[in-house]
Amino acid sequence: WRIDKHELQTPLLAGRMVGTHPFKWDGTDATLRDSLTSTMKRLGGTGLSKRETDSLAAYLEALPSVRTPHRDASQVARGRTLFEAEGCAGCHFGASYTDQARHKLSGTLRQSDTPSLLGLAASAPYFHDGSAATLEALLRDRGAVHGMADTARLDDQQVADLTAFLETL
């Protein structure tokens, strides 16, 4: 999507709505209902009634999480250790793997909401602008480009381990 000179991708919704506010890539909508209302208006719609908005929000909140792929347990454990050692858990923690905060990162948005990492294996491309086609691309160079983390120094095995962990969330 191109909105206000920003390229934005639609994030995965399944299993990611409860406890992951604020909403929108820039984190400017405090609640899901606020986000639904502002999105409808921004896209030129007239909006929904309060009852319809509540029903849509309830539907989105009830979507089940995506199925995560099975990965080798020892590889996932090594990846979890790397996730914590690289500081990823500083912003991506708790049951939803988000601090629910906004951070200044490089890129086209002044601030970005910390997205939930749940269902990450099914949510490519990554970042608000979709600039990382794969988790490997995110870990190899795009994280540093966006000011998130410098993981480019990780070797091939570490990238594979961290990817395996992330895919199981």
Protein backbone atom coordinates (compact mmCIF):
# COMPACT_ATOMS: atom_id res chain seq x y z
CA TRP A 1 0.00 0.00 0.00
CA ARG A 2 1.12 3.57 -0.62
CA ILE A 3 -0.35 5.89 2.00
CA ASP A 4 0.88 9.44 2.56
CA LYS A 5 4.15 8.77 0.69
CA HIS A 6 4.79 5.65 2.79
CA GLU A 7 4.90 2.14 1.43
CA LEU A 8 3.13 -0.07 3.93
CA GLN A 9 2.30 -3.74 3.89
CA THR A 10 -0.74 -5.31 5.53
CA PRO A 11 0.40 -7.13 8.66
CA LEU A 12 -0.77 -10.60 9.61
CA LEU A 13 -3.90 -10.37 11.76
CA ALA A 14 -4.57 -14.00 12.73
CA GLY A 15 -3.79 -14.56 16.39
CA ARG A 16 -2.18 -11.13 16.77
CA MET A 17 -4.91 -8.74 17.87
CA VAL A 18 -5.34 -9.31 21.60
CA GLY A 19 -2.73 -7.59 23.74
CA THR A 20 -0.74 -6.14 20.85
CA HIS A 21 -1.93 -2.53 20.81
CA PRO A 22 -1.24 0.16 19.75
CA PHE A 23 -2.21 -0.45 16.15
CA LYS A 24 -1.04 0.70 12.72
CA TRP A 25 2.61 0.61 11.77
CA ASP A 26 3.22 3.96 13.41
CA GLY A 27 1.33 2.95 16.56
CA THR A 28 -1.04 5.91 16.48
CA ASP A 29 -4.27 3.99 17.14
CA ALA A 30 -4.61 3.03 20.80
CA THR A 31 -7.30 0.39 20.28
CA LEU A 32 -8.38 -1.99 17.56
CA ARG A 33 -11.70 -0.16 17.27
CA ASP A 34 -9.86 3.16 16.78
CA SER A 35 -7.72 1.54 14.10
CA LEU A 36 -10.69 0.08 12.24
CA THR A 37 -12.47 3.44 12.28
CA SER A 38 -9.45 5.49 11.16
CA THR A 39 -8.53 2.97 8.46
CA MET A 40 -12.03 3.04 6.96
CA LYS A 41 -12.00 6.83 6.86
CA ARG A 42 -8.44 7.05 5.51
CA LEU A 43 -9.37 4.72 2.66
CA GLY A 44 -12.34 6.90 1.74
CA GLY A 45 -15.10 4.92 3.39
CA THR A 46 -17.85 6.35 5.52
CA GLY A 47 -17.09 3.97 8.37
CA LEU A 48 -19.13 1.45 10.26
CA SER A 49 -21.61 1.86 13.06
CA LYS A 50 -20.35 1.27 16.60
CA ARG A 51 -22.10 -2.11 16.62
CA GLU A 52 -20.54 -3.11 13.30
CA THR A 53 -17.10 -1.93 14.43
CA ASP A 54 -17.45 -3.91 17.67
CA SER A 55 -18.50 -7.00 15.70
CA LEU A 56 -15.57 -6.69 13.28
CA ALA A 57 -13.14 -6.17 16.16
CA ALA A 58 -14.54 -9.23 17.96
CA TYR A 59 -14.11 -11.28 14.79
CA LEU A 60 -10.50 -10.16 14.34
CA GLU A 61 -9.70 -10.81 18.00
CA ALA A 62 -11.13 -14.34 17.68
CA LEU A 63 -9.01 -15.32 14.66
CA PRO A 64 -6.87 -18.30 15.65
CA SER A 65 -3.11 -18.15 15.45
CA VAL A 66 -1.49 -19.56 12.36
CA ARG A 67 0.07 -23.00 12.55
CA THR A 68 3.78 -22.77 13.12
CA PRO A 69 6.19 -25.07 11.32
CA HIS A 70 7.99 -27.79 13.25
CA ARG A 71 11.69 -27.15 13.67
CA ASP A 72 14.49 -29.11 15.33
CA ALA A 73 14.24 -28.50 19.09
CA SER A 74 17.98 -28.02 19.61
CA GLN A 75 18.14 -25.52 16.75
CA VAL A 76 15.16 -23.62 18.19
CA ALA A 77 16.84 -23.56 21.62
CA ARG A 78 20.04 -22.13 20.11
CA GLY A 79 17.93 -19.57 18.25
CA ARG A 80 16.13 -18.53 21.45
CA THR A 81 19.50 -18.01 23.13
CA LEU A 82 20.64 -15.82 20.22
CA PHE A 83 17.34 -13.91 20.28
CA GLU A 84 18.00 -12.97 23.88
CA ALA A 85 21.75 -12.38 23.45
CA GLU A 86 21.23 -10.05 20.46
CA GLY A 87 18.81 -7.92 22.49
CA CYS A 88 15.70 -8.79 20.48
CA ALA A 89 13.83 -9.57 23.70
CA GLY A 90 14.29 -5.95 24.74
CA CYS A 91 11.37 -4.99 22.48
CA HIS A 92 9.86 -8.37 21.59
CA PHE A 93 8.89 -10.07 24.85
CA GLY A 94 5.96 -11.54 26.71
CA ALA A 95 3.21 -13.76 25.36
CA SER A 96 2.78 -11.61 22.24
CA TYR A 97 6.47 -10.81 21.72
CA THR A 98 5.92 -7.05 21.75
CA ASP A 99 6.59 -4.23 24.20
CA GLN A 100 3.54 -2.38 22.82
CA ALA A 101 5.69 0.71 22.39
CA ARG A 102 6.76 2.98 19.56
CA HIS A 103 10.40 3.33 18.59
CA LYS A 104 12.33 5.63 16.32
CA LEU A 105 13.89 3.49 13.62
CA SER A 106 15.44 4.33 10.30
CA GLY A 107 13.07 4.41 7.36
CA THR A 108 10.09 6.36 6.20
CA LEU A 109 8.10 6.42 9.45
CA ARG A 110 9.05 8.77 12.28
CA GLN A 111 8.18 6.07 14.78
CA SER A 112 7.21 2.44 14.41
CA ASP A 113 5.04 0.26 16.60
CA THR A 114 6.77 -2.90 17.82
CA PRO A 115 4.80 -5.60 16.01
CA SER A 116 4.01 -8.94 17.58
CA LEU A 117 6.24 -11.72 16.33
CA LEU A 118 3.49 -14.34 16.62
CA GLY A 119 2.94 -16.13 13.33
CA LEU A 120 6.13 -14.68 11.89
CA ALA A 121 6.68 -17.68 9.60
CA ALA A 122 3.43 -16.82 7.79
CA SER A 123 3.82 -13.05 7.61
CA ALA A 124 6.46 -12.32 4.94
CA PRO A 125 7.47 -9.84 3.69
CA TYR A 126 8.78 -8.14 6.82
CA PHE A 127 8.92 -4.58 8.16
CA HIS A 128 6.34 -1.88 7.61
CA ASP A 129 7.51 -1.41 4.04
CA GLY A 130 7.91 -5.09 3.17
CA SER A 131 11.59 -4.52 2.42
CA ALA A 132 12.76 -7.88 3.79
CA ALA A 133 11.35 -10.69 1.65
CA THR A 134 12.50 -13.42 4.04
CA LEU A 135 13.58 -13.81 7.64
CA GLU A 136 17.09 -14.48 6.38
CA ALA A 137 17.07 -11.13 4.53
CA LEU A 138 15.81 -9.45 7.69
CA LEU A 139 18.61 -10.99 9.73
CA ARG A 140 21.35 -10.53 7.14
CA ASP A 141 20.92 -6.84 6.43
CA ARG A 142 17.47 -5.29 6.70
CA GLY A 143 17.45 -5.10 10.51
CA ALA A 144 20.51 -2.88 10.44
CA VAL A 145 19.05 -0.78 7.60
CA HIS A 146 16.00 -0.04 9.71
CA GLY A 147 18.09 0.61 12.83
CA MET A 148 16.68 -2.41 14.62
CA ALA A 149 19.73 -4.62 15.17
CA ASP A 150 23.06 -5.36 13.58
CA THR A 151 22.77 -9.07 12.95
CA ALA A 152 24.83 -9.03 9.72
CA ARG A 153 27.83 -10.41 11.62
CA LEU A 154 25.98 -13.65 12.48
CA ASP A 155 27.34 -16.71 10.71
CA ASP A 156 25.19 -19.01 8.56
CA GLN A 157 24.44 -21.44 11.42
CA GLN A 158 23.42 -18.61 13.76
CA VAL A 159 21.09 -17.15 11.13
CA ALA A 160 19.56 -20.60 10.59
CA ASP A 161 19.12 -21.09 14.34
CA LEU A 162 17.57 -17.68 14.90
CA THR A 163 15.29 -18.18 11.90
CA ALA A 164 14.17 -21.56 13.24
CA PHE A 165 13.27 -19.99 16.60
CA LEU A 166 11.40 -17.07 14.99
CA GLU A 167 9.43 -19.41 12.75
CA THR A 168 8.09 -21.28 15.79
CA LEU A 169 6.52 -18.22 17.41
